[in-house]
Amino acid sequence: MPLTSHEREQIRKLSSDIPALWHASTTTPKDRQTIVRQLIERIVVTVQGESEKVDVNIQWSGGHKTNALLIRPVARLEQLSYYDDLLERVSALHEEGHTSKSIASKLNEEGWRPAKRRNTFNKEMVASLLFRLGRTKTNKTRTKPTSTLKVNRSNEWTLPELARKLDMPPVTLYSWLKNDRLTAKKVKIGSREQWLIQADKKEIRRLRSLRKKARTWALHKRVHDAKVN
């Protein structure tokens, strides 16, 4: 049966009273669960890969839908959706001569956030990121000639050495390493561990071709996005 005007007005008043009912001091958590069950038919939560981003789709009673993006804590930096961008920023700041402590301050000022439930970076976390990039602790050490690092190695390269050979950012090469595009092993050079990447002349040619294809794809994508926007 169709609703009468009086019944429709009662429903309107009830809907306007829900926020007050929700926030009332006498409303218990159990009461709020009951309210939600009456208002919401279904909630679909989808995590974007293993990242911190979570898509939430709320299907309300009556057919209305609401979409939202939530941020969840993750255990590892590698899970962050902006991990590669973070490595690139850390690398750039290190190139400018910043120490681990000042890099941490810069990251915090710019709004970068680490994994887990921390809100800020510290110098130890930055030092760990620099280590993953194959960077030494100081610029003085970093700028030593490449030949001082090559000791009894044949067709083996540290990450910074190979990045210079291929004329590409170390962060991109490191992402290839993570995605098993490189053959590498961890060894101790001096007082610390580094990745040694195996690359003879044939492998160098393959990597250069891979780099060229990646650049071409990125260019086409930027052109396509520009046309769409």
C-alpha atoms as a PDB file:
ATOM      1  CA  MET A   1       0.000   0.000   0.000  1.00  0.00           C
ATOM      2  CA  PRO A   2       1.271   3.525  -0.745  1.00  0.00           C
ATOM      3  CA  LEU A   3       2.394   5.617   2.207  1.00  0.00           C
ATOM      4  CA  THR A   4       0.188   8.402   3.431  1.00  0.00           C
ATOM      5  CA  SER A   5       1.487  11.957   3.748  1.00  0.00           C
ATOM      6  CA  HIS A   6       1.539  11.571   7.532  1.00  0.00           C
ATOM      7  CA  GLU A   7       3.584   8.345   7.304  1.00  0.00           C
ATOM      8  CA  ARG A   8       6.080   9.962   4.938  1.00  0.00           C
ATOM      9  CA  GLU A   9       6.485  12.890   7.332  1.00  0.00           C
ATOM     10  CA  GLN A  10       7.114  10.478  10.223  1.00  0.00           C
ATOM     11  CA  ILE A  11       9.889   8.770   8.226  1.00  0.00           C
ATOM     12  CA  ARG A  12      11.472  12.140   7.390  1.00  0.00           C
ATOM     13  CA  LYS A  13      11.516  13.115  11.061  1.00  0.00           C
ATOM     14  CA  LEU A  14      12.982   9.753  12.006  1.00  0.00           C
ATOM     15  CA  SER A  15      15.837  10.135   9.492  1.00  0.00           C
ATOM     16  CA  SER A  16      16.665  13.605  10.782  1.00  0.00           C
ATOM     17  CA  ASP A  17      16.786  12.258  14.344  1.00  0.00           C
ATOM     18  CA  ILE A  18      19.299   9.483  13.552  1.00  0.00           C
ATOM     19  CA  PRO A  19      22.439  11.675  14.000  1.00  0.00           C
ATOM     20  CA  ALA A  20      21.166  12.871  17.369  1.00  0.00           C
ATOM     21  CA  LEU A  21      20.336   9.316  18.363  1.00  0.00           C
ATOM     22  CA  TRP A  22      23.775   8.125  17.224  1.00  0.00           C
ATOM     23  CA  HIS A  23      25.676  10.728  19.266  1.00  0.00           C
ATOM     24  CA  ALA A  24      23.464  10.619  22.350  1.00  0.00           C
ATOM     25  CA  SER A  25      25.312   9.711  25.559  1.00  0.00           C
ATOM     26  CA  THR A  26      22.679   7.079  26.282  1.00  0.00           C
ATOM     27  CA  THR A  27      23.288   5.253  22.982  1.00  0.00           C
ATOM     28  CA  THR A  28      25.445   2.167  23.547  1.00  0.00           C
ATOM     29  CA  PRO A  29      27.828   0.545  21.030  1.00  0.00           C
ATOM     30  CA  LYS A  30      25.284  -2.251  20.668  1.00  0.00           C
ATOM     31  CA  ASP A  31      22.587   0.320  19.834  1.00  0.00           C
ATOM     32  CA  ARG A  32      24.831   1.818  17.151  1.00  0.00           C
ATOM     33  CA  GLN A  33      25.374  -1.635  15.637  1.00  0.00           C
ATOM     34  CA  THR A  34      21.594  -2.003  15.431  1.00  0.00           C
ATOM     35  CA  ILE A  35      21.275   1.380  13.723  1.00  0.00           C
ATOM     36  CA  VAL A  36      23.980   0.485  11.191  1.00  0.00           C
ATOM     37  CA  ARG A  37      22.291  -2.829  10.389  1.00  0.00           C
ATOM     38  CA  GLN A  38      19.106  -0.917   9.532  1.00  0.00           C
ATOM     39  CA  LEU A  39      20.899   1.629   7.349  1.00  0.00           C
ATOM     40  CA  ILE A  40      23.501  -0.468   5.534  1.00  0.00           C
ATOM     41  CA  GLU A  41      22.878  -3.559   3.451  1.00  0.00           C
ATOM     42  CA  ARG A  42      26.461  -4.443   2.552  1.00  0.00           C
ATOM     43  CA  ILE A  43      30.056  -3.255   2.872  1.00  0.00           C
ATOM     44  CA  VAL A  44      32.710  -4.427   0.397  1.00  0.00           C
ATOM     45  CA  VAL A  45      36.333  -3.904   1.451  1.00  0.00           C
ATOM     46  CA  THR A  46      39.098  -4.423  -1.127  1.00  0.00           C
ATOM     47  CA  VAL A  47      42.783  -4.030  -0.336  1.00  0.00           C
ATOM     48  CA  GLN A  48      44.846  -2.677  -3.233  1.00  0.00           C
ATOM     49  CA  GLY A  49      47.388  -5.498  -3.532  1.00  0.00           C
ATOM     50  CA  GLU A  50      49.423  -5.595  -0.332  1.00  0.00           C
ATOM     51  CA  SER A  51      49.535  -1.815  -0.031  1.00  0.00           C
ATOM     52  CA  GLU A  52      48.199   0.527   2.630  1.00  0.00           C
ATOM     53  CA  LYS A  53      45.252   1.556   0.425  1.00  0.00           C
ATOM     54  CA  VAL A  54      41.825   0.023   1.044  1.00  0.00           C
ATOM     55  CA  ASP A  55      38.799   0.648  -1.182  1.00  0.00           C
ATOM     56  CA  VAL A  56      35.497   0.620   0.700  1.00  0.00           C
ATOM     57  CA  ASN A  57      32.100   0.391  -1.006  1.00  0.00           C
ATOM     58  CA  ILE A  58      29.064   0.955   1.229  1.00  0.00           C
ATOM     59  CA  GLN A  59      25.677  -0.111  -0.123  1.00  0.00           C
ATOM     60  CA  TRP A  60      22.950   1.677   1.838  1.00  0.00           C
ATOM     61  CA  SER A  61      19.374   0.542   2.286  1.00  0.00           C
ATOM     62  CA  GLY A  62      17.412   2.069  -0.553  1.00  0.00           C
ATOM     63  CA  GLY A  63      20.116   1.599  -3.185  1.00  0.00           C
ATOM     64  CA  HIS A  64      22.487   4.505  -2.531  1.00  0.00           C
ATOM     65  CA  LYS A  65      26.229   3.684  -2.677  1.00  0.00           C
ATOM     66  CA  THR A  66      29.195   5.424  -1.100  1.00  0.00           C
ATOM     67  CA  ASN A  67      32.830   4.842  -2.043  1.00  0.00           C
ATOM     68  CA  ALA A  68      35.773   5.710   0.183  1.00  0.00           C
ATOM     69  CA  LEU A  69      39.514   5.170   0.352  1.00  0.00           C
ATOM     70  CA  LEU A  70      40.962   4.210   3.728  1.00  0.00           C
ATOM     71  CA  ILE A  71      44.579   3.857   4.818  1.00  0.00           C
ATOM     72  CA  ARG A  72      45.581   0.823   6.851  1.00  0.00           C
ATOM     73  CA  PRO A  73      48.879   0.162   8.669  1.00  0.00           C
ATOM     74  CA  VAL A  74      51.251  -2.204   6.846  1.00  0.00           C
ATOM     75  CA  ALA A  75      54.230  -4.110   8.195  1.00  0.00           C
ATOM     76  CA  ARG A  76      56.883  -3.275   5.592  1.00  0.00           C
ATOM     77  CA  LEU A  77      57.945  -0.202   3.650  1.00  0.00           C
ATOM     78  CA  GLU A  78      57.886  -2.296   0.461  1.00  0.00           C
ATOM     79  CA  GLN A  79      54.105  -2.614   0.820  1.00  0.00           C
ATOM     80  CA  LEU A  80      53.540   1.135   0.552  1.00  0.00           C
ATOM     81  CA  SER A  81      52.007   2.172  -2.760  1.00  0.00           C
ATOM     82  CA  TYR A  82      54.525   5.032  -2.998  1.00  0.00           C
ATOM     83  CA  TYR A  83      57.582   2.963  -2.062  1.00  0.00           C
ATOM     84  CA  ASP A  84      59.396   3.498  -5.377  1.00  0.00           C
ATOM     85  CA  ASP A  85      58.678   7.242  -5.225  1.00  0.00           C
ATOM     86  CA  LEU A  86      59.965   7.284  -1.650  1.00  0.00           C
ATOM     87  CA  LEU A  87      63.224   5.607  -2.677  1.00  0.00           C
ATOM     88  CA  GLU A  88      63.638   8.074  -5.515  1.00  0.00           C
ATOM     89  CA  ARG A  89      63.102  11.035  -3.164  1.00  0.00           C
ATOM     90  CA  VAL A  90      65.563   9.667  -0.608  1.00  0.00           C
ATOM     91  CA  SER A  91      68.097   9.104  -3.383  1.00  0.00           C
ATOM     92  CA  ALA A  92      67.650  12.673  -4.657  1.00  0.00           C
ATOM     93  CA  LEU A  93      68.077  14.177  -1.193  1.00  0.00           C
ATOM     94  CA  HIS A  94      71.202  12.083  -0.647  1.00  0.00           C
ATOM     95  CA  GLU A  95      72.593  13.311  -3.954  1.00  0.00           C
ATOM     96  CA  GLU A  96      72.053  16.880  -2.699  1.00  0.00           C
ATOM     97  CA  GLY A  97      74.331  16.138   0.269  1.00  0.00           C
ATOM     98  CA  HIS A  98      71.762  15.675   3.033  1.00  0.00           C
ATOM     99  CA  THR A  99      72.566  13.407   5.977  1.00  0.00           C
ATOM    100  CA  SER A 100      70.228  10.636   7.103  1.00  0.00           C
ATOM    101  CA  LYS A 101      68.934  12.884   9.880  1.00  0.00           C
ATOM    102  CA  SER A 102      68.194  15.823   7.575  1.00  0.00           C
ATOM    103  CA  ILE A 103      66.626  13.507   4.979  1.00  0.00           C
ATOM    104  CA  ALA A 104      64.285  12.192   7.692  1.00  0.00           C
ATOM    105  CA  SER A 105      63.313  15.769   8.591  1.00  0.00           C
ATOM    106  CA  LYS A 106      62.700  16.613   4.936  1.00  0.00           C
ATOM    107  CA  LEU A 107      60.509  13.542   4.423  1.00  0.00           C
ATOM    108  CA  ASN A 108      58.460  14.401   7.504  1.00  0.00           C
ATOM    109  CA  GLU A 109      58.037  18.008   6.382  1.00  0.00           C
ATOM    110  CA  GLU A 110      56.886  16.889   2.930  1.00  0.00           C
ATOM    111  CA  GLY A 111      54.263  14.556   4.382  1.00  0.00           C
ATOM    112  CA  TRP A 112      55.828  11.157   3.634  1.00  0.00           C
ATOM    113  CA  ARG A 113      54.711   8.468   6.070  1.00  0.00           C
ATOM    114  CA  PRO A 114      56.458   5.192   6.958  1.00  0.00           C
ATOM    115  CA  ALA A 115      54.880   1.769   7.422  1.00  0.00           C
ATOM    116  CA  LYS A 116      53.341   0.254  10.565  1.00  0.00           C
ATOM    117  CA  ARG A 117      51.787   2.807  12.909  1.00  0.00           C
ATOM    118  CA  ARG A 118      54.589   5.353  12.885  1.00  0.00           C
ATOM    119  CA  ASN A 119      53.858   8.879  11.703  1.00  0.00           C
ATOM    120  CA  THR A 120      57.405  10.060  11.088  1.00  0.00           C
ATOM    121  CA  PHE A 121      60.762   8.881   9.728  1.00  0.00           C
ATOM    122  CA  ASN A 122      63.966   8.871  11.772  1.00  0.00           C
ATOM    123  CA  LYS A 123      67.610   8.750  10.700  1.00  0.00           C
ATOM    124  CA  GLU A 124      67.880   4.980  11.276  1.00  0.00           C
ATOM    125  CA  MET A 125      64.998   4.317   8.887  1.00  0.00           C
ATOM    126  CA  VAL A 126      66.563   6.591   6.271  1.00  0.00           C
ATOM    127  CA  ALA A 127      69.934   4.861   6.701  1.00  0.00           C
ATOM    128  CA  SER A 128      68.172   1.557   6.011  1.00  0.00           C
ATOM    129  CA  LEU A 129      66.655   2.971   2.815  1.00  0.00           C
ATOM    130  CA  LEU A 130      70.041   4.261   1.685  1.00  0.00           C
ATOM    131  CA  PHE A 131      71.502   0.812   2.320  1.00  0.00           C
ATOM    132  CA  ARG A 132      68.837  -0.753   0.099  1.00  0.00           C
ATOM    133  CA  LEU A 133      69.801   1.722  -2.595  1.00  0.00           C
ATOM    134  CA  GLY A 134      73.433   0.696  -2.276  1.00  0.00           C
ATOM    135  CA  ARG A 135      74.374   4.118  -0.951  1.00  0.00           C
ATOM    136  CA  THR A 136      77.134   4.624   1.591  1.00  0.00           C
ATOM    137  CA  LYS A 137      76.589   6.654   4.725  1.00  0.00           C
ATOM    138  CA  THR A 138      78.429   9.771   3.586  1.00  0.00           C
ATOM    139  CA  ASN A 139      78.926  11.584   0.320  1.00  0.00           C
ATOM    140  CA  LYS A 140      82.693  11.355   0.787  1.00  0.00           C
ATOM    141  CA  THR A 141      82.523   7.579   0.740  1.00  0.00           C
ATOM    142  CA  ARG A 142      79.951   7.568  -2.054  1.00  0.00           C
ATOM    143  CA  THR A 143      82.126   9.596  -4.390  1.00  0.00           C
ATOM    144  CA  LYS A 144      85.115   7.271  -4.218  1.00  0.00           C
ATOM    145  CA  PRO A 145      86.167   5.995  -7.632  1.00  0.00           C
ATOM    146  CA  THR A 146      84.240   2.988  -8.805  1.00  0.00           C
ATOM    147  CA  SER A 147      87.475   1.032  -9.215  1.00  0.00           C
ATOM    148  CA  THR A 148      88.012   0.942  -5.440  1.00  0.00           C
ATOM    149  CA  LEU A 149      84.915  -1.209  -5.103  1.00  0.00           C
ATOM    150  CA  LYS A 150      85.706  -3.649  -7.898  1.00  0.00           C
ATOM    151  CA  VAL A 151      87.957  -6.259  -6.351  1.00  0.00           C
ATOM    152  CA  ASN A 152      88.320  -9.674  -7.999  1.00  0.00           C
ATOM    153  CA  ARG A 153      84.919  -9.438  -9.653  1.00  0.00           C
ATOM    154  CA  SER A 154      84.161 -10.490 -13.195  1.00  0.00           C
ATOM    155  CA  ASN A 155      80.912  -9.231 -14.776  1.00  0.00           C
ATOM    156  CA  GLU A 156      79.584  -8.335 -11.334  1.00  0.00           C
ATOM    157  CA  TRP A 157      78.342  -4.883 -10.366  1.00  0.00           C
ATOM    158  CA  THR A 158      77.098  -3.141  -7.259  1.00  0.00           C
ATOM    159  CA  LEU A 159      73.740  -1.474  -7.728  1.00  0.00           C
ATOM    160  CA  PRO A 160      75.173   2.089  -8.015  1.00  0.00           C
ATOM    161  CA  GLU A 161      77.862   0.905 -10.463  1.00  0.00           C
ATOM    162  CA  LEU A 162      75.367  -0.769 -12.769  1.00  0.00           C
ATOM    163  CA  ALA A 163      72.987   2.192 -12.517  1.00  0.00           C
ATOM    164  CA  ARG A 164      75.782   4.471 -13.710  1.00  0.00           C
ATOM    165  CA  LYS A 165      76.689   2.017 -16.480  1.00  0.00           C
ATOM    166  CA  LEU A 166      73.086   1.947 -17.703  1.00  0.00           C
ATOM    167  CA  ASP A 167      72.545   5.680 -17.071  1.00  0.00           C
ATOM    168  CA  MET A 168      69.416   5.083 -15.025  1.00  0.00           C
ATOM    169  CA  PRO A 169      68.193   5.886 -11.481  1.00  0.00           C
ATOM    170  CA  PRO A 170      69.328   3.400  -8.813  1.00  0.00           C
ATOM    171  CA  VAL A 171      65.749   3.275  -7.510  1.00  0.00           C
ATOM    172  CA  THR A 172      64.507   1.907 -10.856  1.00  0.00           C
ATOM    173  CA  LEU A 173      67.267  -0.684 -10.951  1.00  0.00           C
ATOM    174  CA  TYR A 174      66.431  -1.686  -7.395  1.00  0.00           C
ATOM    175  CA  SER A 175      62.781  -2.207  -8.384  1.00  0.00           C
ATOM    176  CA  TRP A 176      63.996  -4.544 -11.151  1.00  0.00           C
ATOM    177  CA  LEU A 177      65.988  -6.404  -8.532  1.00  0.00           C
ATOM    178  CA  LYS A 178      62.872  -6.775  -6.374  1.00  0.00           C
ATOM    179  CA  ASN A 179      60.881  -8.054  -9.361  1.00  0.00           C
ATOM    180  CA  ASP A 180      63.498 -10.726 -10.190  1.00  0.00           C
ATOM    181  CA  ARG A 181      64.579  -9.071 -13.431  1.00  0.00           C
ATOM    182  CA  LEU A 182      68.216  -9.267 -12.339  1.00  0.00           C
ATOM    183  CA  THR A 183      70.498 -12.088 -11.219  1.00  0.00           C
ATOM    184  CA  ALA A 184      72.124 -10.962  -7.981  1.00  0.00           C
ATOM    185  CA  LYS A 185      73.554 -12.112  -4.691  1.00  0.00           C
ATOM    186  CA  LYS A 186      74.395 -10.457  -1.393  1.00  0.00           C
ATOM    187  CA  VAL A 187      78.060 -10.215  -0.438  1.00  0.00           C
ATOM    188  CA  LYS A 188      80.107  -8.308   2.096  1.00  0.00           C
ATOM    189  CA  ILE A 189      82.193  -5.499   0.631  1.00  0.00           C
ATOM    190  CA  GLY A 190      84.295  -3.725   3.205  1.00  0.00           C
ATOM    191  CA  SER A 191      82.311  -3.404   6.419  1.00  0.00           C
ATOM    192  CA  ARG A 192      78.821  -3.859   4.984  1.00  0.00           C
ATOM    193  CA  GLU A 193      76.682  -6.065   2.755  1.00  0.00           C
ATOM    194  CA  GLN A 194      75.740  -5.116  -0.791  1.00  0.00           C
ATOM    195  CA  TRP A 195      73.974  -6.637  -3.734  1.00  0.00           C
ATOM    196  CA  LEU A 196      76.251  -7.871  -6.518  1.00  0.00           C
ATOM    197  CA  ILE A 197      74.445  -8.047  -9.842  1.00  0.00           C
ATOM    198  CA  GLN A 198      75.690 -10.421 -12.523  1.00  0.00           C
ATOM    199  CA  ALA A 199      75.786  -8.709 -15.924  1.00  0.00           C
ATOM    200  CA  ASP A 200      78.098  -9.566 -18.813  1.00  0.00           C
ATOM    201  CA  LYS A 201      78.070  -7.714 -22.155  1.00  0.00           C
ATOM    202  CA  LYS A 202      75.036  -9.640 -23.372  1.00  0.00           C
ATOM    203  CA  GLU A 203      73.132  -8.884 -20.161  1.00  0.00           C
ATOM    204  CA  ILE A 204      74.086  -5.201 -20.362  1.00  0.00           C
ATOM    205  CA  ARG A 205      72.578  -5.070 -23.852  1.00  0.00           C
ATOM    206  CA  ARG A 206      69.403  -6.752 -22.581  1.00  0.00           C
ATOM    207  CA  LEU A 207      69.078  -4.319 -19.689  1.00  0.00           C
ATOM    208  CA  ARG A 208      69.625  -1.324 -21.943  1.00  0.00           C
ATOM    209  CA  SER A 209      66.909  -2.618 -24.264  1.00  0.00           C
ATOM    210  CA  LEU A 210      64.613  -3.134 -21.274  1.00  0.00           C
ATOM    211  CA  ARG A 211      65.346   0.404 -20.092  1.00  0.00           C
ATOM    212  CA  LYS A 212      64.564   1.811 -23.543  1.00  0.00           C
ATOM    213  CA  LYS A 213      61.239  -0.036 -23.687  1.00  0.00           C
ATOM    214  CA  ALA A 214      60.341   1.215 -20.210  1.00  0.00           C
ATOM    215  CA  ARG A 215      61.080   4.814 -21.222  1.00  0.00           C
ATOM    216  CA  THR A 216      59.016   4.453 -24.410  1.00  0.00           C
ATOM    217  CA  TRP A 217      56.079   3.006 -22.485  1.00  0.00           C
ATOM    218  CA  ALA A 218      56.268   5.811 -19.886  1.00  0.00           C
ATOM    219  CA  LEU A 219      56.306   8.429 -22.661  1.00  0.00           C
ATOM    220  CA  HIS A 220      53.269   6.910 -24.382  1.00  0.00           C
ATOM    221  CA  LYS A 221      51.434   6.797 -21.055  1.00  0.00           C
ATOM    222  CA  ARG A 222      52.136  10.465 -20.332  1.00  0.00           C
ATOM    223  CA  VAL A 223      50.908  11.425 -23.807  1.00  0.00           C
ATOM    224  CA  HIS A 224      47.769   9.308 -23.372  1.00  0.00           C
ATOM    225  CA  ASP A 225      47.033  10.782 -19.921  1.00  0.00           C
ATOM    226  CA  ALA A 226      47.524  14.295 -21.273  1.00  0.00           C
ATOM    227  CA  LYS A 227      45.009  13.635 -24.063  1.00  0.00           C
ATOM    228  CA  VAL A 228      42.486  12.159 -21.625  1.00  0.00           C
ATOM    229  CA  ASN A 229      42.792  15.112 -19.238  1.00  0.00           C
END
